[in-house]
Amino acid sequence: MTPATLRPFLLAITVCAVALLGACSREQAAPEPVRAVRTMTLGADTAGAGVEYAAEIRARNESRLGFRVGGKIVRRNAEVGEAVKAGQVLAQLDAQDLRLGQDAARAALAAAQVNLDQAAADARRYRELKEQGFIGAAELERRENALKAAQAGLAQARAQASLQGNQAAYAALVADTAGVVTAVEAEPGMVVAAGAPVVRLAHDGPRDVVFAVPEDKVELLRNVAAQPGALKVRLWNADSLLPATLREVAAAADPVTRTFLAKADVGRADVRLGQTATVLLELPRSAGVTRLPLSAVAELQGKTVVWLLDPATLTVRPQTVSVAGADGNSVVVSAGLAPGQTVVRAGVHLLTPGQKVKRYVEPVVAATGAAPASGAAR
């Protein structure tokens, strides 16, 4: 072999030797660490979900009070939030014109009374003249008819006087029952028509919890709320629950929110008008339904999964599940799991199929006052 051809051959041998030496010196990849996971074992119990609605405390009966006559408001005695008693004056109209009308009606009544007295005296005299033969029957009949007309005129004047007296009394707006003023819709100086709302009064008595229900939950509300104890109310400033009974569901949806207004009766519970509350609707418990913490559920390739632990090999695998809904910090799984399975409830976002794991063990806290071990890190 000539030197010209030997040189490329030696160069190729040198390159191969360097490659083999580099492959032999390459370090092996570090094994993936065994991750610790929190687990829970599924039982054979059942689970149920619940629905919550924001609500407001309102009076069972609420009236919009207004004057029965028109006029100018000169005084308003009620303020929003004030408790009033039956018969208490809430507002006052300028009653000058009404009193003048009452005086005119009284004068007309007095005139009708005088006219009746005169007609009665004339009829009595003409009756005596008829008995003596000085007048005919026709003349006596005219006098008796005049007496009847005077009696009718007196009855009319008496009714008109009573009407004007009532009109004058209507100048004062009076609470017809005890309650709390929830709104004021007119101020002094305003001229209002008869029947125009001036004060809104919430009657003392039973209280309702009012809340809005979506269209797809109306039938569910009616069916579940018919069961005793399924509907409860929790006030925002209290932890205790109040029993409630569904009393009414609106027949038509609100044109703006497209929800149905529902009212639940809490009786005479110690609540204040306008308080904010939460209505709790407990759904029926179903067999085969499991409640898991939210941290146990993950999404893998577009599917909702939980990770199951094989206790023998300490490996994990994903399991597709069906979620029925959420309840606070828990999720209700309706299908895909069976009692006795071990589910990873924390650390699922770092797992891969077939991965080796270990159970998480809570660290033991040393007793207070114990001396630290020699050489321990600080």
Foldseek 3Di string as FASTA:
>chain_A
DDPVVVVVVVVVVVVVVVVVVVVVPDDDDDDDDFAAFAKDFFAQDWDFFKDKFKWFKAFPDKDQFDFQAWAAWADADADAFDWDFFFDFGTFGDLPVLVVQLVVLVVQLVVLVVQLVVLVVVLVVVVVCVVVPNDDPVVSVVSVVSNVVSVVSNVVSVVSNVVSVVNSVSRTGGHRGIFGWHDADDDGGDTDGRPDGGTMTRHPWWMKIKGWAAPVCPVVCVVQLVDFPQKWKAFPVDDDIAGWHWDDWDPAADPPPRTIMTIITRTNDPDDGGTMMMMMGIDDIDGQKDKAFPQQWDADPNFIWGWWADVVQQFIATWGFAWPADHVRITITRDTDDGRIMTGRHDPVPHDHGRHHHHDDDDDDDDPPDDDDPPDDD
